[in-house]
C-alpha cells in the first residue's frame, strides 16, 4: 500500500505547511505518475513507482486523516485520479458517510477506535461513527492506536453490536474487512494470508 498523511499532524515548514499545500503536493505526484503511464516510460523514478502502482489499482492508497474537510479534499483527489482509497483514522469520516459510499472505486474506512473529540481534527468524533458508515454502505475496519492493545478489538466489536451493527458486521470489521482493504485476498497474497474458513490453513494461538 501507498501510505500518506494529510492534516495538521503532517504540517511542516515546506509545501505541507497547510492542508491545501499537502493536497497540491499529492496531486502533483499523481500527475507525474499519470504522465509516466501515458508515455509508457520504461524507467520510472523510484519515488514515483508507488503512485504508478496506485493509479493502476495494484495497491491501495492509505491516507491517515481525521478532519472532515481534509477527508473531503482527499475524496476529490480520489475522484479525479481513480485510485482505491483507504481512509485511516477517520474520526470525522461519518459526517461524509454518503459521499464516501458513493465513490468509484469504493472507498474503505479503517477507523481508529476510541478517538475522543479533543482536538481540532477530531471535534466531530462520535462513538457511533462505525454504525453510521456501515449503514451508509461503506466497508469499515477498525484498529487500536496502540498495537499492544490489539486484543481489545474484540471488545470494540462487541460495543459496535450494542450500538447497532449485526454480529457478522462487527466481526468482519475487525477481521475480513481489513483483509480485503489491503488486497490480502488476491492471488499474490494467497500463499501466506488465509481466512479462518473450511479448506484454508490457519494457526490458533
N, C-alpha and C. Protein backbone atom coordinates (compact mmCIF):
# COMPACT_ATOMS: atom_id res chain seq x y z
N UNK A 1 0.84 -1.20 0.00
CA UNK A 1 0.00 0.00 0.00
C UNK A 1 0.87 1.25 0.00
N UNK A 2 0.31 2.32 -0.56
CA UNK A 2 0.96 3.64 -0.52
C UNK A 2 0.39 4.39 0.67
N UNK A 3 1.22 4.65 1.68
CA UNK A 3 0.76 5.30 2.91
C UNK A 3 1.10 6.79 2.90
N UNK A 4 0.08 7.62 3.17
CA UNK A 4 0.23 9.07 3.18
C UNK A 4 -0.45 9.63 4.42
N UNK A 5 -0.11 10.87 4.75
CA UNK A 5 -0.76 11.55 5.88
C UNK A 5 -1.19 12.95 5.44
N UNK A 6 -2.42 13.33 5.77
CA UNK A 6 -2.94 14.65 5.47
C UNK A 6 -3.57 15.22 6.73
N UNK A 7 -3.27 16.48 7.01
CA UNK A 7 -3.87 17.12 8.19
C UNK A 7 -2.85 17.90 8.98
N UNK A 8 -3.26 18.36 10.14
CA UNK A 8 -2.39 19.19 10.96
C UNK A 8 -1.14 18.45 11.43
N UNK A 9 -1.27 17.15 11.66
CA UNK A 9 -0.11 16.38 12.12
C UNK A 9 0.95 16.22 11.03
N UNK A 10 0.57 16.49 9.78
CA UNK A 10 1.51 16.34 8.66
C UNK A 10 2.16 17.65 8.26
N UNK A 11 1.83 18.72 8.95
CA UNK A 11 2.37 20.02 8.57
C UNK A 11 3.84 20.16 8.93
N UNK A 12 4.58 20.85 8.04
CA UNK A 12 5.95 21.23 8.34
C UNK A 12 6.22 22.58 7.69
N UNK A 13 7.47 22.95 7.54
CA UNK A 13 7.81 24.29 7.06
C UNK A 13 7.86 24.39 5.54
N UNK A 14 7.63 23.27 4.84
CA UNK A 14 7.73 23.28 3.39
C UNK A 14 6.34 23.34 2.75
N UNK A 15 6.14 22.61 1.66
CA UNK A 15 4.89 22.65 0.92
C UNK A 15 3.72 22.15 1.76
N UNK A 16 4.01 21.33 2.77
CA UNK A 16 2.95 20.76 3.59
C UNK A 16 2.64 21.61 4.81
N UNK A 17 2.97 22.92 4.77
CA UNK A 17 2.69 23.80 5.90
C UNK A 17 1.21 24.12 6.01
N UNK A 18 0.42 23.76 5.01
CA UNK A 18 -1.03 23.89 5.06
C UNK A 18 -1.65 22.65 4.44
N UNK A 19 -2.90 22.39 4.76
CA UNK A 19 -3.56 21.22 4.21
C UNK A 19 -3.73 21.37 2.70
N UNK A 20 -4.04 22.58 2.25
CA UNK A 20 -4.16 22.80 0.80
C UNK A 20 -2.84 22.55 0.11
N UNK A 21 -1.72 22.90 0.77
CA UNK A 21 -0.41 22.62 0.22
C UNK A 21 -0.14 21.13 0.14
N UNK A 22 -0.60 20.39 1.15
CA UNK A 22 -0.44 18.93 1.12
C UNK A 22 -1.23 18.32 -0.04
N UNK A 23 -2.45 18.81 -0.26
CA UNK A 23 -3.28 18.30 -1.35
C UNK A 23 -2.65 18.62 -2.70
N UNK A 24 -2.12 19.84 -2.86
CA UNK A 24 -1.46 20.21 -4.11
C UNK A 24 -0.24 19.32 -4.37
N UNK A 25 0.53 19.07 -3.32
CA UNK A 25 1.72 18.21 -3.48
C UNK A 25 1.31 16.79 -3.87
N UNK A 26 0.20 16.32 -3.29
CA UNK A 26 -0.29 14.99 -3.62
C UNK A 26 -0.76 14.91 -5.07
N UNK A 27 -1.49 15.94 -5.50
CA UNK A 27 -1.94 15.98 -6.90
C UNK A 27 -0.75 16.01 -7.86
N UNK A 28 0.28 16.73 -7.47
CA UNK A 28 1.47 16.82 -8.33
C UNK A 28 2.09 15.44 -8.52
N UNK A 29 2.17 14.66 -7.45
CA UNK A 29 2.75 13.32 -7.55
C UNK A 29 1.91 12.42 -8.44
N UNK A 30 0.60 12.53 -8.33
CA UNK A 30 -0.26 11.71 -9.19
C UNK A 30 -0.22 12.18 -10.64
N UNK A 31 -0.05 13.48 -10.85
CA UNK A 31 0.11 13.99 -12.23
C UNK A 31 1.36 13.40 -12.86
N UNK A 32 2.46 13.37 -12.10
CA UNK A 32 3.69 12.79 -12.61
C UNK A 32 3.51 11.30 -12.93
N UNK A 33 2.78 10.63 -12.06
CA UNK A 33 2.53 9.20 -12.29
C UNK A 33 1.67 8.98 -13.53
N UNK A 34 0.66 9.83 -13.72
CA UNK A 34 -0.17 9.74 -14.92
C UNK A 34 0.65 9.93 -16.18
N UNK A 35 1.55 10.90 -16.14
CA UNK A 35 2.41 11.17 -17.30
C UNK A 35 3.28 9.96 -17.61
N UNK A 36 3.84 9.35 -16.55
CA UNK A 36 4.70 8.17 -16.75
C UNK A 36 3.92 7.03 -17.39
N UNK A 37 2.66 6.88 -16.99
CA UNK A 37 1.83 5.80 -17.55
C UNK A 37 1.48 6.09 -19.01
N UNK A 38 1.09 7.34 -19.29
CA UNK A 38 0.70 7.70 -20.66
C UNK A 38 1.87 7.60 -21.63
N UNK A 39 3.04 7.98 -21.16
CA UNK A 39 4.22 7.93 -22.03
C UNK A 39 4.86 6.55 -22.05
N UNK A 40 4.29 5.64 -21.25
CA UNK A 40 4.83 4.28 -21.17
C UNK A 40 6.33 4.30 -20.87
N UNK A 41 6.67 5.13 -19.89
CA UNK A 41 8.07 5.31 -19.53
C UNK A 41 8.68 4.00 -19.04
N UNK A 42 9.74 3.58 -19.64
CA UNK A 42 10.36 2.31 -19.27
C UNK A 42 11.08 2.41 -17.93
N UNK A 43 11.63 3.57 -17.64
CA UNK A 43 12.33 3.78 -16.38
C UNK A 43 11.56 4.80 -15.55
N UNK A 44 10.95 4.34 -14.48
CA UNK A 44 10.17 5.21 -13.61
C UNK A 44 10.98 5.48 -12.35
N UNK A 45 11.06 6.76 -11.97
CA UNK A 45 11.80 7.13 -10.77
C UNK A 45 11.28 6.35 -9.57
N UNK A 46 12.19 5.98 -8.69
CA UNK A 46 11.81 5.13 -7.56
C UNK A 46 10.69 5.76 -6.74
N UNK A 47 10.74 7.07 -6.54
CA UNK A 47 9.72 7.75 -5.74
C UNK A 47 8.35 7.73 -6.41
N UNK A 48 8.34 7.54 -7.73
CA UNK A 48 7.08 7.55 -8.47
C UNK A 48 6.42 6.19 -8.56
N UNK A 49 7.18 5.14 -8.33
CA UNK A 49 6.65 3.79 -8.54
C UNK A 49 5.40 3.49 -7.72
N UNK A 50 5.35 3.85 -6.43
CA UNK A 50 4.12 3.56 -5.67
C UNK A 50 2.90 4.31 -6.22
N UNK A 51 3.10 5.53 -6.72
CA UNK A 51 1.99 6.30 -7.27
C UNK A 51 1.50 5.68 -8.58
N UNK A 52 2.43 5.19 -9.38
CA UNK A 52 2.05 4.50 -10.61
C UNK A 52 1.26 3.24 -10.27
N UNK A 53 1.74 2.47 -9.31
CA UNK A 53 1.04 1.25 -8.90
C UNK A 53 -0.35 1.57 -8.37
N UNK A 54 -0.47 2.69 -7.66
CA UNK A 54 -1.77 3.09 -7.12
C UNK A 54 -2.74 3.44 -8.24
N UNK A 55 -2.26 4.17 -9.24
CA UNK A 55 -3.14 4.53 -10.36
C UNK A 55 -3.56 3.31 -11.16
N UNK A 56 -2.72 2.29 -11.19
CA UNK A 56 -3.08 1.04 -11.86
C UNK A 56 -3.94 0.14 -10.98
N UNK A 57 -4.22 0.61 -9.76
CA UNK A 57 -5.02 -0.11 -8.76
C UNK A 57 -4.39 -1.44 -8.36
N UNK A 58 -3.07 -1.45 -8.39
CA UNK A 58 -2.35 -2.63 -7.93
C UNK A 58 -2.22 -2.62 -6.42
N UNK A 59 -2.20 -1.42 -5.84
CA UNK A 59 -2.11 -1.25 -4.39
C UNK A 59 -3.09 -0.16 -3.97
N UNK A 60 -3.59 -0.20 -2.73
CA UNK A 60 -4.45 0.88 -2.25
C UNK A 60 -3.64 2.08 -1.79
N UNK A 61 -4.29 3.24 -1.78
CA UNK A 61 -3.71 4.45 -1.20
C UNK A 61 -4.31 4.63 0.18
N UNK A 62 -3.50 4.53 1.21
CA UNK A 62 -3.96 4.63 2.59
C UNK A 62 -3.59 6.01 3.12
N UNK A 63 -4.61 6.83 3.39
CA UNK A 63 -4.37 8.20 3.83
C UNK A 63 -4.79 8.33 5.29
N UNK A 64 -3.83 8.65 6.14
CA UNK A 64 -4.14 8.89 7.54
C UNK A 64 -4.70 10.30 7.68
N UNK A 65 -5.97 10.41 8.04
CA UNK A 65 -6.64 11.70 8.10
C UNK A 65 -7.86 11.57 9.00
N UNK A 66 -8.11 12.62 9.78
CA UNK A 66 -9.24 12.62 10.71
C UNK A 66 -10.28 13.68 10.38
N UNK A 67 -9.84 14.88 10.01
CA UNK A 67 -10.73 16.04 9.93
C UNK A 67 -11.60 16.02 8.69
N UNK A 68 -12.86 16.40 8.84
CA UNK A 68 -13.85 16.22 7.78
C UNK A 68 -13.50 16.98 6.51
N UNK A 69 -13.01 18.22 6.60
CA UNK A 69 -12.67 18.98 5.40
C UNK A 69 -11.50 18.35 4.66
N UNK A 70 -10.52 17.85 5.41
CA UNK A 70 -9.38 17.18 4.79
C UNK A 70 -9.82 15.87 4.13
N UNK A 71 -10.75 15.16 4.77
CA UNK A 71 -11.29 13.95 4.16
C UNK A 71 -12.00 14.28 2.85
N UNK A 72 -12.78 15.37 2.85
CA UNK A 72 -13.46 15.80 1.63
C UNK A 72 -12.48 16.11 0.52
N UNK A 73 -11.37 16.75 0.86
CA UNK A 73 -10.35 17.08 -0.14
C UNK A 73 -9.73 15.81 -0.72
N UNK A 74 -9.49 14.83 0.13
CA UNK A 74 -8.92 13.56 -0.34
C UNK A 74 -9.90 12.82 -1.25
N UNK A 75 -11.19 12.89 -0.91
CA UNK A 75 -12.20 12.25 -1.76
C UNK A 75 -12.22 12.88 -3.15
N UNK A 76 -12.00 14.18 -3.23
CA UNK A 76 -11.96 14.85 -4.54
C UNK A 76 -10.73 14.42 -5.34
N UNK A 77 -9.61 14.22 -4.65
CA UNK A 77 -8.41 13.71 -5.32
C UNK A 77 -8.68 12.29 -5.84
N UNK A 78 -9.30 11.47 -5.01
CA UNK A 78 -9.62 10.11 -5.43
C UNK A 78 -10.56 10.10 -6.62
N UNK A 79 -11.52 11.01 -6.64
CA UNK A 79 -12.46 11.11 -7.77
C UNK A 79 -11.72 11.45 -9.05
N UNK A 80 -10.74 12.33 -8.96
CA UNK A 80 -10.03 12.79 -10.16
C UNK A 80 -9.02 11.77 -10.69
N UNK A 81 -8.48 10.92 -9.82
CA UNK A 81 -7.42 10.01 -10.24
C UNK A 81 -7.84 8.54 -10.21
N UNK A 82 -8.93 8.21 -9.54
CA UNK A 82 -9.49 6.88 -9.62
C UNK A 82 -8.76 5.76 -8.90
N UNK A 83 -7.99 6.07 -7.86
CA UNK A 83 -7.29 5.02 -7.13
C UNK A 83 -8.19 4.44 -6.04
N UNK A 84 -7.80 3.29 -5.52
CA UNK A 84 -8.51 2.69 -4.40
C UNK A 84 -8.05 3.37 -3.12
N UNK A 85 -8.98 3.97 -2.39
CA UNK A 85 -8.66 4.76 -1.21
C UNK A 85 -9.08 4.05 0.06
N UNK A 86 -8.17 4.08 1.05
CA UNK A 86 -8.50 3.65 2.41
C UNK A 86 -8.24 4.84 3.32
N UNK A 87 -9.27 5.31 3.99
CA UNK A 87 -9.13 6.39 4.97
C UNK A 87 -8.73 5.75 6.30
N UNK A 88 -7.58 6.16 6.81
CA UNK A 88 -7.04 5.59 8.05
C UNK A 88 -7.24 6.60 9.19
N UNK A 89 -7.87 6.16 10.25
CA UNK A 89 -8.17 7.08 11.35
C UNK A 89 -9.64 7.45 11.28
N UNK A 90 -9.94 8.46 10.45
CA UNK A 90 -11.31 8.78 10.08
C UNK A 90 -12.23 9.17 11.22
N UNK A 91 -11.72 9.94 12.20
CA UNK A 91 -12.56 10.30 13.34
C UNK A 91 -13.83 11.03 12.92
N UNK A 92 -13.75 11.82 11.84
CA UNK A 92 -14.92 12.58 11.39
C UNK A 92 -15.47 12.06 10.06
N UNK A 93 -15.06 10.86 9.66
CA UNK A 93 -15.49 10.32 8.37
C UNK A 93 -17.00 10.11 8.29
N UNK A 94 -17.62 9.82 9.42
CA UNK A 94 -19.07 9.57 9.43
C UNK A 94 -19.87 10.75 8.91
N UNK A 95 -19.32 11.96 9.05
CA UNK A 95 -20.01 13.16 8.56
C UNK A 95 -20.20 13.09 7.04
N UNK A 96 -19.26 12.44 6.37
CA UNK A 96 -19.30 12.31 4.90
C UNK A 96 -19.65 10.89 4.48
N UNK A 97 -20.39 10.18 5.30
CA UNK A 97 -20.67 8.76 5.03
C UNK A 97 -21.27 8.54 3.65
N UNK A 98 -22.24 9.35 3.26
CA UNK A 98 -22.91 9.17 1.96
C UNK A 98 -21.94 9.47 0.81
N UNK A 99 -21.10 10.49 0.97
CA UNK A 99 -20.12 10.81 -0.06
C UNK A 99 -19.09 9.70 -0.21
N UNK A 100 -18.66 9.14 0.91
CA UNK A 100 -17.68 8.05 0.88
C UNK A 100 -18.29 6.82 0.20
N UNK A 101 -19.54 6.54 0.52
CA UNK A 101 -20.21 5.37 -0.04
C UNK A 101 -20.42 5.50 -1.55
N UNK A 102 -20.43 6.73 -2.07
CA UNK A 102 -20.72 6.96 -3.49
C UNK A 102 -19.48 6.96 -4.37
N UNK A 103 -18.29 6.78 -3.80
CA UNK A 103 -17.07 6.87 -4.60
C UNK A 103 -16.88 5.65 -5.49
N UNK A 104 -16.15 5.86 -6.59
CA UNK A 104 -15.79 4.79 -7.52
C UNK A 104 -14.30 4.89 -7.83
N UNK A 105 -13.53 3.82 -7.54
CA UNK A 105 -13.91 2.59 -6.86
C UNK A 105 -14.28 2.86 -5.40
N UNK A 106 -14.92 1.91 -4.73
CA UNK A 106 -15.37 2.16 -3.36
C UNK A 106 -14.23 2.54 -2.42
N UNK A 107 -14.50 3.50 -1.56
CA UNK A 107 -13.54 3.92 -0.55
C UNK A 107 -13.82 3.18 0.75
N UNK A 108 -12.77 2.68 1.38
CA UNK A 108 -12.88 2.00 2.66
C UNK A 108 -12.46 2.93 3.79
N UNK A 109 -12.95 2.66 4.99
CA UNK A 109 -12.55 3.44 6.17
C UNK A 109 -12.03 2.49 7.23
N UNK A 110 -10.78 2.68 7.62
CA UNK A 110 -10.17 1.91 8.69
C UNK A 110 -10.15 2.81 9.93
N UNK A 111 -11.17 2.67 10.76
CA UNK A 111 -11.38 3.56 11.89
C UNK A 111 -10.43 3.26 13.04
N UNK A 112 -9.95 4.32 13.66
CA UNK A 112 -9.23 4.16 14.91
C UNK A 112 -10.24 4.16 16.05
N UNK A 113 -10.20 3.16 16.90
CA UNK A 113 -11.16 3.05 17.98
C UNK A 113 -10.92 4.10 19.06
N UNK A 114 -12.02 4.59 19.61
CA UNK A 114 -11.99 5.47 20.80
C UNK A 114 -11.16 6.73 20.61
N UNK A 115 -11.38 7.42 19.51
CA UNK A 115 -10.73 8.72 19.32
C UNK A 115 -11.63 9.79 19.93
N UNK A 116 -11.20 10.47 20.98
CA UNK A 116 -12.06 11.46 21.63
C UNK A 116 -12.12 12.76 20.83
N UNK A 117 -13.19 13.55 20.98
CA UNK A 117 -13.29 14.85 20.31
C UNK A 117 -12.47 15.91 21.04
N UNK A 118 -11.16 15.69 21.09
CA UNK A 118 -10.30 16.51 21.95
C UNK A 118 -9.39 17.47 21.19
N UNK A 119 -9.36 17.39 19.85
CA UNK A 119 -8.53 18.28 19.06
C UNK A 119 -9.36 18.87 17.93
N UNK A 120 -8.78 19.84 17.23
CA UNK A 120 -9.49 20.45 16.10
C UNK A 120 -9.83 19.41 15.05
N UNK A 121 -8.93 18.46 14.82
CA UNK A 121 -9.14 17.45 13.79
C UNK A 121 -10.18 16.40 14.16
N UNK A 122 -10.50 16.30 15.45
CA UNK A 122 -11.41 15.23 15.89
C UNK A 122 -12.64 15.77 16.62
N UNK A 123 -12.96 17.03 16.43
CA UNK A 123 -14.06 17.65 17.16
C UNK A 123 -15.40 16.96 16.95
N UNK A 124 -15.61 16.40 15.77
CA UNK A 124 -16.90 15.77 15.44
C UNK A 124 -16.87 14.26 15.65
N UNK A 125 -15.86 13.76 16.35
CA UNK A 125 -15.77 12.34 16.61
C UNK A 125 -16.96 11.87 17.44
N UNK A 126 -17.45 10.68 17.13
CA UNK A 126 -18.60 10.12 17.85
C UNK A 126 -18.43 8.62 17.99
N UNK A 127 -19.02 8.05 19.02
CA UNK A 127 -18.91 6.61 19.25
C UNK A 127 -19.73 5.81 18.24
N UNK A 128 -20.64 6.47 17.53
CA UNK A 128 -21.50 5.78 16.58
C UNK A 128 -20.99 5.86 15.14
N UNK A 129 -19.76 6.30 14.95
CA UNK A 129 -19.26 6.52 13.58
C UNK A 129 -19.24 5.24 12.76
N UNK A 130 -18.84 4.12 13.36
CA UNK A 130 -18.79 2.86 12.61
C UNK A 130 -20.19 2.47 12.14
N UNK A 131 -21.17 2.62 13.01
CA UNK A 131 -22.55 2.27 12.65
C UNK A 131 -23.05 3.15 11.51
N UNK A 132 -22.78 4.45 11.60
CA UNK A 132 -23.22 5.38 10.57
C UNK A 132 -22.61 5.03 9.22
N UNK A 133 -21.33 4.72 9.20
CA UNK A 133 -20.64 4.39 7.96
C UNK A 133 -21.13 3.08 7.36
N UNK A 134 -21.26 2.06 8.19
CA UNK A 134 -21.71 0.76 7.69
C UNK A 134 -23.12 0.85 7.14
N UNK A 135 -23.99 1.56 7.83
CA UNK A 135 -25.38 1.70 7.35
C UNK A 135 -25.47 2.50 6.06
N UNK A 136 -24.45 3.33 5.79
CA UNK A 136 -24.42 4.08 4.53
C UNK A 136 -23.88 3.23 3.39
N UNK A 137 -23.33 2.06 3.72
CA UNK A 137 -22.80 1.17 2.69
C UNK A 137 -21.30 1.18 2.55
N UNK A 138 -20.60 1.74 3.53
CA UNK A 138 -19.13 1.82 3.49
C UNK A 138 -18.55 0.57 4.14
N UNK A 139 -17.50 0.02 3.53
CA UNK A 139 -16.78 -1.08 4.17
C UNK A 139 -15.87 -0.49 5.24
N UNK A 140 -16.04 -0.95 6.46
CA UNK A 140 -15.35 -0.37 7.61
C UNK A 140 -14.49 -1.43 8.30
N UNK A 141 -13.27 -1.03 8.64
CA UNK A 141 -12.42 -1.83 9.51
C UNK A 141 -12.12 -1.03 10.76
N UNK A 142 -11.50 -1.65 11.74
CA UNK A 142 -11.18 -0.92 12.97
C UNK A 142 -9.83 -1.37 13.49
N UNK A 143 -9.09 -0.40 14.06
CA UNK A 143 -7.81 -0.71 14.69
C UNK A 143 -7.69 0.10 15.97
N UNK A 144 -6.74 -0.27 16.81
CA UNK A 144 -6.46 0.48 18.03
C UNK A 144 -5.14 1.21 17.85
N UNK A 145 -5.02 2.37 18.48
CA UNK A 145 -3.83 3.19 18.30
C UNK A 145 -2.56 2.54 18.81
N UNK A 146 -2.67 1.78 19.88
CA UNK A 146 -1.51 1.10 20.48
C UNK A 146 -1.54 -0.37 20.08
N UNK A 147 -0.56 -0.84 19.30
CA UNK A 147 -0.56 -2.25 18.88
C UNK A 147 -0.64 -3.24 20.04
N UNK A 148 -0.12 -2.83 21.21
CA UNK A 148 -0.17 -3.73 22.36
C UNK A 148 -1.59 -3.98 22.84
N UNK A 149 -2.52 -3.12 22.41
CA UNK A 149 -3.91 -3.28 22.82
C UNK A 149 -4.78 -3.91 21.73
N UNK A 150 -4.14 -4.57 20.77
CA UNK A 150 -4.89 -5.20 19.70
C UNK A 150 -5.92 -6.20 20.21
N UNK A 151 -5.64 -6.79 21.36
CA UNK A 151 -6.58 -7.76 21.94
C UNK A 151 -7.92 -7.12 22.28
N UNK A 152 -7.93 -5.79 22.41
CA UNK A 152 -9.18 -5.11 22.78
C UNK A 152 -10.16 -4.97 21.62
N UNK A 153 -9.72 -5.32 20.42
CA UNK A 153 -10.61 -5.19 19.27
C UNK A 153 -11.88 -6.03 19.44
N UNK A 154 -11.79 -7.14 20.14
CA UNK A 154 -12.99 -7.96 20.35
C UNK A 154 -14.02 -7.19 21.16
N UNK A 155 -13.54 -6.38 22.12
CA UNK A 155 -14.48 -5.57 22.91
C UNK A 155 -15.07 -4.46 22.05
N UNK A 156 -14.25 -3.87 21.19
CA UNK A 156 -14.75 -2.81 20.31
C UNK A 156 -15.82 -3.37 19.37
N UNK A 157 -15.62 -4.59 18.90
CA UNK A 157 -16.63 -5.22 18.04
C UNK A 157 -17.93 -5.44 18.82
N UNK A 158 -17.81 -5.86 20.07
CA UNK A 158 -18.99 -6.06 20.91
C UNK A 158 -19.73 -4.76 21.16
N UNK A 159 -18.99 -3.69 21.38
CA UNK A 159 -19.63 -2.39 21.59
C UNK A 159 -20.35 -1.95 20.33
N UNK A 160 -19.76 -2.23 19.17
CA UNK A 160 -20.40 -1.87 17.89
C UNK A 160 -21.72 -2.61 17.72
N UNK A 161 -21.79 -3.86 18.19
CA UNK A 161 -23.05 -4.60 18.14
C UNK A 161 -24.09 -3.93 19.03
N UNK A 162 -23.67 -3.51 20.22
CA UNK A 162 -24.58 -2.81 21.11
C UNK A 162 -25.12 -1.53 20.49
N UNK A 163 -24.32 -0.91 19.64
CA UNK A 163 -24.71 0.37 19.05
C UNK A 163 -25.45 0.22 17.73
N UNK A 164 -25.62 -1.02 17.24
CA UNK A 164 -26.48 -1.18 16.08
C UNK A 164 -25.99 -2.07 14.96
N UNK A 165 -24.72 -2.51 14.99
CA UNK A 165 -24.24 -3.42 13.96
C UNK A 165 -24.71 -4.84 14.27
N UNK A 166 -24.81 -5.65 13.23
CA UNK A 166 -25.07 -7.06 13.45
C UNK A 166 -23.79 -7.73 13.92
N UNK A 167 -23.91 -8.93 14.45
CA UNK A 167 -22.73 -9.68 14.89
C UNK A 167 -21.76 -9.87 13.73
N UNK A 168 -22.29 -10.27 12.57
CA UNK A 168 -21.43 -10.53 11.41
C UNK A 168 -20.75 -9.26 10.92
N UNK A 169 -21.46 -8.13 10.94
CA UNK A 169 -20.86 -6.86 10.51
C UNK A 169 -19.72 -6.46 11.44
N UNK A 170 -19.93 -6.61 12.73
CA UNK A 170 -18.91 -6.23 13.70
C UNK A 170 -17.69 -7.15 13.62
N UNK A 171 -17.95 -8.46 13.43
CA UNK A 171 -16.84 -9.41 13.31
C UNK A 171 -16.02 -9.10 12.06
N UNK A 172 -16.69 -8.83 10.95
CA UNK A 172 -15.98 -8.50 9.71
C UNK A 172 -15.16 -7.23 9.87
N UNK A 173 -15.65 -6.30 10.67
CA UNK A 173 -14.97 -5.02 10.86
C UNK A 173 -13.58 -5.19 11.45
N UNK A 174 -13.39 -6.21 12.27
CA UNK A 174 -12.08 -6.41 12.90
C UNK A 174 -11.33 -7.61 12.31
N UNK A 175 -11.85 -8.18 11.23
CA UNK A 175 -11.18 -9.33 10.61
C UNK A 175 -11.13 -9.19 9.09
N UNK A 176 -12.10 -9.77 8.39
CA UNK A 176 -12.02 -9.90 6.94
C UNK A 176 -12.09 -8.58 6.19
N UNK A 177 -12.76 -7.57 6.73
CA UNK A 177 -12.81 -6.28 6.02
C UNK A 177 -11.41 -5.69 5.87
N UNK A 178 -10.62 -5.78 6.92
CA UNK A 178 -9.24 -5.27 6.84
C UNK A 178 -8.43 -6.10 5.86
N UNK A 179 -8.64 -7.38 5.89
CA UNK A 179 -8.01 -8.34 4.95
C UNK A 179 -8.26 -7.88 3.50
N UNK A 180 -9.50 -7.51 3.19
CA UNK A 180 -9.87 -7.13 1.83
C UNK A 180 -9.39 -5.73 1.47
N UNK A 181 -9.38 -4.81 2.42
CA UNK A 181 -8.94 -3.44 2.15
C UNK A 181 -7.52 -3.41 1.59
N UNK A 182 -6.68 -4.28 2.13
CA UNK A 182 -5.27 -4.29 1.74
C UNK A 182 -4.96 -5.35 0.69
N UNK A 183 -6.03 -5.82 0.02
CA UNK A 183 -5.88 -6.78 -1.08
C UNK A 183 -5.15 -8.05 -0.66
N UNK A 184 -5.36 -8.46 0.58
CA UNK A 184 -4.73 -9.69 1.06
C UNK A 184 -5.48 -10.93 0.62
N UNK A 185 -6.55 -10.72 -0.15
CA UNK A 185 -7.29 -11.87 -0.68
C UNK A 185 -7.00 -12.10 -2.16
N UNK A 186 -6.02 -11.35 -2.72
CA UNK A 186 -5.72 -11.55 -4.14
C UNK A 186 -4.69 -12.67 -4.31
N UNK A 187 -4.40 -13.00 -5.56
CA UNK A 187 -3.53 -14.14 -5.84
C UNK A 187 -2.13 -13.98 -5.28
N UNK A 188 -1.62 -12.74 -5.28
CA UNK A 188 -0.25 -12.51 -4.82
C UNK A 188 -0.09 -12.80 -3.33
N UNK A 189 -1.17 -12.64 -2.56
CA UNK A 189 -1.06 -12.84 -1.11
C UNK A 189 -1.59 -14.18 -0.65
N UNK A 190 -2.17 -14.95 -1.54
CA UNK A 190 -2.90 -16.14 -1.14
C UNK A 190 -2.01 -17.23 -0.55
N UNK A 191 -0.73 -17.20 -0.87
CA UNK A 191 0.17 -18.24 -0.37
C UNK A 191 0.51 -18.05 1.10
N UNK A 192 0.34 -16.83 1.64
CA UNK A 192 0.75 -16.62 3.02
C UNK A 192 -0.31 -15.92 3.89
N UNK A 193 -1.44 -15.55 3.32
CA UNK A 193 -2.52 -14.96 4.10
C UNK A 193 -3.79 -15.75 3.85
N UNK A 194 -4.46 -16.17 4.92
CA UNK A 194 -5.64 -17.01 4.77
C UNK A 194 -6.73 -16.55 5.73
N UNK A 195 -7.96 -16.86 5.38
CA UNK A 195 -9.08 -16.63 6.27
C UNK A 195 -9.32 -17.90 7.08
N UNK A 196 -9.92 -17.72 8.25
CA UNK A 196 -10.28 -18.87 9.06
C UNK A 196 -11.58 -19.43 8.51
N UNK A 197 -11.44 -20.37 7.61
CA UNK A 197 -12.61 -20.95 6.96
C UNK A 197 -12.25 -22.36 6.49
N UNK A 198 -13.23 -23.13 6.18
CA UNK A 198 -13.01 -24.52 5.75
C UNK A 198 -12.15 -24.54 4.49
N UNK A 199 -11.10 -25.36 4.53
CA UNK A 199 -10.23 -25.51 3.37
C UNK A 199 -9.02 -24.59 3.37
N UNK A 200 -8.90 -23.70 4.38
CA UNK A 200 -7.75 -22.79 4.44
C UNK A 200 -6.89 -23.14 5.64
N UNK A 201 -5.59 -22.80 5.53
CA UNK A 201 -4.68 -23.02 6.63
C UNK A 201 -4.82 -21.89 7.67
N UNK A 202 -4.68 -22.24 8.93
CA UNK A 202 -4.76 -21.22 9.98
C UNK A 202 -4.07 -21.71 11.24
N UNK A 203 -3.47 -20.79 11.97
CA UNK A 203 -2.87 -21.11 13.27
C UNK A 203 -3.67 -20.41 14.36
N UNK A 204 -4.02 -21.13 15.41
CA UNK A 204 -4.71 -20.55 16.55
C UNK A 204 -3.74 -20.47 17.71
N UNK A 205 -3.59 -19.26 18.25
CA UNK A 205 -2.62 -19.05 19.34
C UNK A 205 -3.38 -18.68 20.61
